[in-house]
C-alpha cells in the first residue's frame, strides 16, 4: 500500500502498527508507587488500578531525560518508553530505589505492543477499554490500552504473530502513523524534544505534569516556569511550501529560531512539520526552512482536519 492508502485506512477504518521496539519495564514492590511518585512528573499514586498516565523523567534542572507511559495494575506498574529512553529509567530505578521495596523487570524482549489506529480499532477486540486515554482492560490477547488514536494491545512477544492474525487488521507503515501524530501535534522524544528541553517548551505540561502532587526531581524548575516565567521556546506546527527533513533549520529574518523535528506530506494538509521554536517566532509568521529556504507558516497546534 502507498502511504496515502494507509492514511485513508487509518482515518476511515483501522490499521495496525507494530511498536514492539519500545522499552518495557514492570515495576513491583510495596514502595513502587511511592518511589515513582518522587521521580516522575505526573501523579502515579493517584492512579486507580486499570488507569494510567503519561509522564516524564527529568534532571534536577528540569530537562527531559525521557518520557513514558505508566499503567497501574493490582500490585504492579507498567512503564513503556521510546527505546532510547529506556536506559535512563533503568538507571534511575536501580540507583535510587536502593533500600526500598522496589523491583524492576525488563520485559522489552518479552512483550510486544501492537497499536491499532483508527475509528474502527475497537471493533477488532473481544472487549474494549474505557475511552479515557491510558485506561486499560485485560482481554483475550493481552492488555488493551486506550490511546489518543485507538487501542494498544500488549501481548507476549511469542504470541505477536498469532495476535496480529487474530485481530485481522492490515499492518501499515510507521510513516503513515507518524503523519497522524504530526497532525495531532504530539511531540516525540528524539524528534521534537530531548535532553535540552523543559516540558513546557515541548507542550507537555497539560498531559505529563501534575502541579498538585508532592515533590519530584526537577519540580522546582518546572513549577517556577509555569507560575512565574515564560518559556524561551514553544512547540509549533509549520505549513510548508515544500517537504522538509528532520534537522532542517528554521529562519525568521536573519536568525535561526529552531530546527524541524518531524515532517510529513499529509494527504489532507500537504507538507507539514512540528518544531520547537524560539518565542519570537509566533503563529502567523512566515519563516524560511532548509537549505533551499522554502517558505513556511507557523501555526498553532493541532492541525485541523479539512
Protein backbone atom coordinates (compact mmCIF):
# COMPACT_ATOMS: atom_id res chain seq x y z
CA UNK A 1 0.00 0.00 0.00
CA UNK A 2 1.07 3.58 -0.55
CA UNK A 3 1.28 5.95 2.41
CA UNK A 4 -1.82 7.74 1.10
CA UNK A 5 -3.75 4.45 1.03
CA UNK A 6 -2.53 3.56 4.52
CA UNK A 7 -3.55 7.01 5.75
CA UNK A 8 -7.03 6.51 4.32
CA UNK A 9 -7.25 3.18 6.15
CA UNK A 10 -6.14 4.73 9.46
CA UNK A 11 -8.57 7.63 9.22
CA UNK A 12 -11.52 5.75 7.77
CA UNK A 13 -11.31 2.31 9.41
CA UNK A 14 -8.31 0.89 11.30
CA UNK A 15 -4.81 -0.43 10.75
CA UNK A 16 -2.03 -1.93 12.85
CA UNK A 17 1.44 -0.57 13.61
CA UNK A 18 3.99 -2.75 15.41
CA UNK A 19 5.63 -0.72 18.19
CA UNK A 20 7.36 -3.59 19.93
CA UNK A 21 10.70 -1.78 19.76
CA UNK A 22 9.63 0.37 22.72
CA UNK A 23 11.37 -0.24 26.04
CA UNK A 24 9.17 -2.02 28.60
CA UNK A 25 9.54 -2.36 32.36
CA UNK A 26 7.42 -3.95 35.08
CA UNK A 27 7.85 -2.32 38.50
CA UNK A 28 6.60 -4.17 41.57
CA UNK A 29 7.01 -4.00 45.33
CA UNK A 30 5.25 -2.25 48.17
CA UNK A 31 7.15 1.02 47.61
CA UNK A 32 6.84 1.11 43.82
CA UNK A 33 4.15 3.79 43.53
CA UNK A 34 5.62 5.96 46.29
CA UNK A 35 9.08 5.73 44.72
CA UNK A 36 7.89 6.67 41.23
CA UNK A 37 5.80 9.49 42.69
CA UNK A 38 9.02 11.21 43.73
CA UNK A 39 10.77 10.60 40.42
CA UNK A 40 8.39 11.40 37.56
CA UNK A 41 6.32 14.47 36.68
CA UNK A 42 2.81 13.04 36.90
CA UNK A 43 0.68 11.67 39.75
CA UNK A 44 1.39 7.94 39.98
CA UNK A 45 -0.09 7.43 43.45
CA UNK A 46 -3.35 8.96 42.29
CA UNK A 47 -3.86 6.27 39.66
CA UNK A 48 -6.51 3.65 40.32
CA UNK A 49 -5.89 0.11 39.05
CA UNK A 50 -6.90 -0.05 35.40
CA UNK A 51 -5.76 3.51 34.66
CA UNK A 52 -2.54 5.13 33.59
CA UNK A 53 -0.83 8.38 32.72
CA UNK A 54 1.82 10.00 30.58
CA UNK A 55 4.86 11.36 32.43
CA UNK A 56 8.45 12.48 32.07
CA UNK A 57 11.66 11.81 33.96
CA UNK A 58 13.72 14.97 34.42
CA UNK A 59 17.16 16.08 35.51
CA UNK A 60 17.46 18.22 38.63
CA UNK A 61 17.46 21.23 36.29
CA UNK A 62 14.11 20.25 34.79
CA UNK A 63 15.43 18.95 31.45
CA UNK A 64 13.78 15.85 29.96
CA UNK A 65 15.67 12.57 30.25
CA UNK A 66 12.79 10.61 28.75
CA UNK A 67 9.02 10.40 28.61
CA UNK A 68 6.91 7.32 29.31
CA UNK A 69 3.50 5.74 29.67
CA UNK A 70 2.67 4.28 33.09
CA UNK A 71 -0.15 1.81 33.72
CA UNK A 72 -1.19 0.85 37.24
CA UNK A 73 -2.40 -2.67 37.85
CA UNK A 74 -3.12 -4.62 41.02
CA UNK A 75 0.32 -4.75 42.62
CA UNK A 76 2.30 -3.66 39.58
CA UNK A 77 3.17 -0.64 37.46
CA UNK A 78 3.98 -1.00 33.77
CA UNK A 79 6.24 1.51 32.02
CA UNK A 80 6.88 1.76 28.30
CA UNK A 81 9.05 4.35 26.62
CA UNK A 82 10.97 5.11 23.46
CA UNK A 83 13.88 2.66 23.12
CA UNK A 84 16.39 5.50 23.53
CA UNK A 85 14.77 6.45 26.85
CA UNK A 86 14.91 3.03 28.48
CA UNK A 87 18.47 3.29 29.87
CA UNK A 88 17.56 6.49 31.77
CA UNK A 89 14.64 4.81 33.54
CA UNK A 90 16.60 1.64 34.28
CA UNK A 91 19.42 3.70 35.76
CA UNK A 92 17.02 5.79 37.84
CA UNK A 93 15.21 2.81 39.33
CA UNK A 94 18.31 0.71 40.00
CA UNK A 95 20.24 3.65 41.53
CA UNK A 96 17.66 5.49 43.60
CA UNK A 97 15.42 2.68 44.84
CA UNK A 98 18.16 1.02 46.88
CA UNK A 99 16.87 0.14 50.33
CA UNK A 100 13.24 0.29 49.24
CA UNK A 101 10.79 -2.44 48.30
CA UNK A 102 11.00 -1.77 44.58
CA UNK A 103 11.72 -4.44 41.98
CA UNK A 104 12.26 -3.92 38.26
CA UNK A 105 11.87 -6.44 35.45
CA UNK A 106 12.88 -5.57 31.90
CA UNK A 107 10.25 -7.04 29.56
CA UNK A 108 11.42 -5.31 26.38
CA UNK A 109 12.11 -8.54 24.52
CA UNK A 110 9.29 -10.49 26.16
CA UNK A 111 6.31 -8.27 25.32
CA UNK A 112 5.01 -6.84 22.05
CA UNK A 113 3.00 -3.65 21.55
CA UNK A 114 0.59 -3.67 18.61
CA UNK A 115 -1.01 -0.26 18.02
CA UNK A 116 -4.48 -0.37 16.50
CA UNK A 117 -5.12 3.04 14.97
CA UNK A 118 -8.37 4.35 13.55
CA UNK A 119 -12.06 4.85 14.33
CA UNK A 120 -12.75 1.10 13.97
CA UNK A 121 -9.84 -0.03 16.16
CA UNK A 122 -12.10 -1.23 18.99
CA UNK A 123 -14.17 -3.33 16.61
CA UNK A 124 -11.27 -5.78 16.33
CA UNK A 125 -11.25 -6.54 20.09
CA UNK A 126 -13.22 -9.03 22.16
CA UNK A 127 -13.61 -6.35 24.86
CA UNK A 128 -12.84 -2.65 24.75
CA UNK A 129 -11.08 -0.47 27.35
CA UNK A 130 -12.75 2.67 28.72
CA UNK A 131 -12.49 5.70 26.44
CA UNK A 132 -10.15 7.66 28.72
CA UNK A 133 -6.59 7.64 27.38
CA UNK A 134 -4.34 5.13 29.19
CA UNK A 135 -7.29 3.23 30.71
CA UNK A 136 -6.93 -0.50 30.12
CA UNK A 137 -8.60 -3.89 30.43
CA UNK A 138 -7.41 -7.46 30.08
CA UNK A 139 -8.71 -9.26 27.02
CA UNK A 140 -8.23 -12.46 25.10
CA UNK A 141 -4.98 -11.30 23.53
CA UNK A 142 -3.41 -9.37 26.43
CA UNK A 143 -3.81 -5.89 27.87
CA UNK A 144 -5.83 -3.41 25.81
CA UNK A 145 -4.86 0.23 26.45
CA UNK A 146 -6.83 3.22 25.18
CA UNK A 147 -4.73 5.68 23.18
CA UNK A 148 -5.46 9.03 21.57
CA UNK A 149 -5.84 7.34 18.17
CA UNK A 150 -7.14 3.86 19.06
CA UNK A 151 -6.01 0.99 21.27
CA UNK A 152 -2.63 -0.59 22.04
CA UNK A 153 -2.54 -4.37 22.54
CA UNK A 154 0.26 -5.51 24.87
CA UNK A 155 0.86 -9.24 24.48
CA UNK A 156 3.65 -11.82 24.85
CA UNK A 157 6.17 -11.35 22.06
CA UNK A 158 5.98 -15.07 21.28
CA UNK A 159 2.26 -14.67 20.55
CA UNK A 160 2.51 -11.49 18.47
CA UNK A 161 2.15 -13.12 15.06
CA UNK A 162 -0.92 -15.05 16.19
CA UNK A 163 -2.46 -11.98 17.81
CA UNK A 164 -1.82 -9.93 14.68
CA UNK A 165 -3.58 -12.56 12.58
CA UNK A 166 -6.49 -12.86 15.01
CA UNK A 167 -7.07 -9.10 15.03
CA UNK A 168 -7.42 -9.19 11.27
CA UNK A 169 -6.13 -5.67 10.63
CA UNK A 170 -3.80 -4.61 7.83
CA UNK A 171 -0.33 -3.67 9.05
CA UNK A 172 0.69 -0.20 7.94
CA UNK A 173 3.95 1.70 7.90
CA UNK A 174 5.35 3.84 10.68
CA UNK A 175 5.37 6.67 8.12
CA UNK A 176 1.58 6.65 7.88
CA UNK A 177 1.17 6.55 11.66
CA UNK A 178 3.67 9.38 12.06
CA UNK A 179 1.57 11.53 9.75
CA UNK A 180 -1.35 11.24 12.19
CA UNK A 181 0.92 12.03 15.14
CA UNK A 182 2.23 15.15 13.43
CA UNK A 183 -1.29 16.27 12.53
CA UNK A 184 -2.38 15.83 16.16
CA UNK A 185 0.54 17.98 17.33
CA UNK A 186 2.07 15.45 19.71
CA UNK A 187 5.85 15.76 20.00
CA UNK A 188 8.13 12.72 20.19
CA UNK A 189 11.31 12.10 22.15
CA UNK A 190 14.32 12.22 19.85
CA UNK A 191 12.37 14.11 17.21
CA UNK A 192 10.97 17.35 18.63
CA UNK A 193 12.46 17.23 22.13
CA UNK A 194 15.32 15.74 24.09
CA UNK A 195 17.80 16.35 26.86
CA UNK A 196 17.89 20.13 26.40
CA UNK A 197 14.12 20.57 26.59
CA UNK A 198 11.93 21.59 29.53
CA UNK A 199 8.41 20.03 29.47
CA UNK A 200 6.63 23.35 28.92
CA UNK A 201 8.75 24.08 25.84
CA UNK A 202 7.54 20.82 24.29
CA UNK A 203 3.91 21.50 25.20
CA UNK A 204 3.87 18.61 27.68
CA UNK A 205 2.63 20.33 30.83
CA UNK A 206 -1.06 19.57 30.31
CA UNK A 207 -0.53 15.87 29.63
CA UNK A 208 2.57 14.99 31.61
CA UNK A 209 2.84 17.26 34.66
CA UNK A 210 0.87 17.33 37.91
CA UNK A 211 1.07 20.63 39.77
CA UNK A 212 -0.81 19.31 42.81
CA UNK A 213 1.26 16.25 43.75
CA UNK A 214 4.27 16.28 46.03
CA UNK A 215 7.88 16.90 45.11
CA UNK A 216 9.69 15.13 42.29
CA UNK A 217 13.06 15.52 40.62
CA UNK A 218 13.16 18.72 38.55
CA UNK A 219 9.93 20.10 40.05
CA UNK A 220 11.35 23.46 41.12
CA UNK A 221 12.29 24.50 37.58
CA UNK A 222 9.04 23.24 36.07
CA UNK A 223 6.84 24.92 38.69
CA UNK A 224 8.74 28.23 38.62
CA UNK A 225 8.46 28.46 34.85
CA UNK A 226 4.78 27.53 34.91
CA UNK A 227 3.72 30.01 37.58
CA UNK A 228 6.16 32.89 37.18
CA UNK A 229 8.03 32.65 33.93
CA UNK A 230 7.69 32.36 30.19
CA UNK A 231 9.47 29.64 28.21
CA UNK A 232 12.09 30.68 25.69
CA UNK A 233 10.69 28.21 23.15
CA UNK A 234 7.33 26.77 22.13
CA UNK A 235 6.10 23.75 20.17
CA UNK A 236 4.61 24.91 16.86
CA UNK A 237 3.28 23.49 13.65
CA UNK A 238 4.54 24.52 10.23
CA UNK A 239 2.61 24.58 6.98
CA UNK A 240 5.38 24.07 4.46
CA UNK A 241 5.59 25.12 0.83
CA UNK A 242 7.86 22.13 0.16
CA UNK A 243 8.68 18.91 2.04
CA UNK A 244 11.27 19.25 4.83
CA UNK A 245 13.58 16.92 6.72
CA UNK A 246 14.37 16.39 10.39
CA UNK A 247 17.02 18.89 11.46
CA UNK A 248 16.37 21.45 8.73
CA UNK A 249 17.00 24.96 10.10
CA UNK A 250 14.08 27.37 10.56
CA UNK A 251 14.98 31.03 9.98
CA UNK A 252 12.99 34.12 10.92
CA UNK A 253 14.50 37.25 9.43
CA UNK A 254 18.22 36.53 9.64
CA UNK A 255 18.09 34.42 12.81
CA UNK A 256 17.74 30.67 13.20
CA UNK A 257 14.85 30.10 15.62
CA UNK A 258 14.69 26.31 15.60
CA UNK A 259 15.02 23.12 13.61
CA UNK A 260 12.46 20.78 12.10
CA UNK A 261 11.55 17.91 14.42
CA UNK A 262 9.20 15.70 12.41
CA UNK A 263 7.82 16.31 8.94
CA UNK A 264 5.47 14.56 6.54
CA UNK A 265 3.34 15.11 3.49
CA UNK A 266 -0.23 14.82 4.76
CA UNK A 267 -2.89 13.74 2.27
CA UNK A 268 -5.14 16.37 3.89
CA UNK A 269 -2.79 19.24 4.75
CA UNK A 270 0.12 18.78 2.35
CA UNK A 271 3.68 19.23 3.67
CA UNK A 272 3.60 19.91 7.42
CA UNK A 273 6.00 19.66 10.34
CA UNK A 274 6.46 20.03 14.08
CA UNK A 275 9.26 22.02 15.68
CA UNK A 276 10.18 23.73 18.92
CA UNK A 277 10.98 27.33 18.02
CA UNK A 278 12.08 30.43 19.89
CA UNK A 279 9.29 32.55 21.33
CA UNK A 280 9.90 35.49 18.98
CA UNK A 281 8.59 33.25 16.19
CA UNK A 282 4.80 33.39 16.57
CA UNK A 283 1.87 31.68 14.84
CA UNK A 284 1.16 33.52 11.60
CA UNK A 285 4.82 34.35 10.97
CA UNK A 286 6.43 33.30 7.70
CA UNK A 287 9.76 31.53 8.15
CA UNK A 288 12.31 30.01 5.79
CA UNK A 289 13.10 26.29 6.09
CA UNK A 290 16.02 24.14 4.99
CA UNK A 291 18.91 24.70 2.60
CA UNK A 292 16.52 25.91 -0.12
CA UNK A 293 14.96 28.43 2.33
CA UNK A 294 11.44 27.38 1.37
CA UNK A 295 8.68 29.47 2.92
CA UNK A 296 6.53 28.07 5.72
CA UNK A 297 3.86 29.46 8.03
CA UNK A 298 3.99 28.87 11.77
CA UNK A 299 0.64 27.68 13.15
CA UNK A 300 -1.00 26.70 16.40
CA UNK A 301 -1.50 23.00 17.08
CA UNK A 302 -3.12 20.66 16.37
CA UNK A 303 -3.56 20.77 12.63
CA UNK A 304 -7.26 20.52 11.90
CA UNK A 305 -8.72 18.02 9.51
CA UNK A 306 -10.45 19.50 6.46
